[in-house]
Amino acid sequence: MYRLSPETDADTPEVEALLDLCFAPGRTALSSYRLREGVAPVRELCLTLRASTSDGGGSAGVLLAAIRYWPVRVAGQKVLAQGPVAVHPTAQGEGLGGLLMRESLSLAAAMGWQRVMLVGDAPYYSRFGFSKLDGVEMPPPTNPDRVLGLELEPGAWVDLRGTVTRETAAANACPSGA
């Protein structure tokens, strides 16, 4: 049994340890991390997935997976940037990453976000509706074939082109009309 909940400040050290375990050393040197510096995540969409405890006590359970989202801009328009999503190596292949993706994308749509982007493997993320974004450029060094997008509102990516830039305003809430 699993327990899905928003990431709290108390979860952060454990989530960071999971990210260190799942990704190569130097992950924080990636361009996606430069876009996150000094920007608050979209807290309502940053989720953790834990194994439920059977002791009935206040134990939080073992952290198995986590997903995070950040606001960015493309051509001045607010965009939701997904990443990272991580699943503990002992739980990979159980569908936990997919569960986090589906749940968080559903929440994002309910919050009014219109579009989502990420840097990732198209064969994996296409199952959630992501496809290559032509004309949307991540800061280097990013392989343009790995820049993927999803419309939560039909037409949200139509004619939206440009370089992905950091959100400068406090933007951890849904953008109205973005």
Foldseek 3Di string as FASTA:
>chain_A
DKDKDFDDPVCVVVQVVQVPQFDDPPPCVDLVVVLCVPADWLRRLWMWMFDDDPPPDPDPHHTFKIWTWTWWDFPRDIEIEIDDIGGRPVCPPVCPSVVSVVVSLVVLLVLPHFKYKYFADCVVCVVVPKAQQPQEAEPPPGDSRRIIMHTSHPPPSPPGHGYIHHDDDRPSGHDPPD
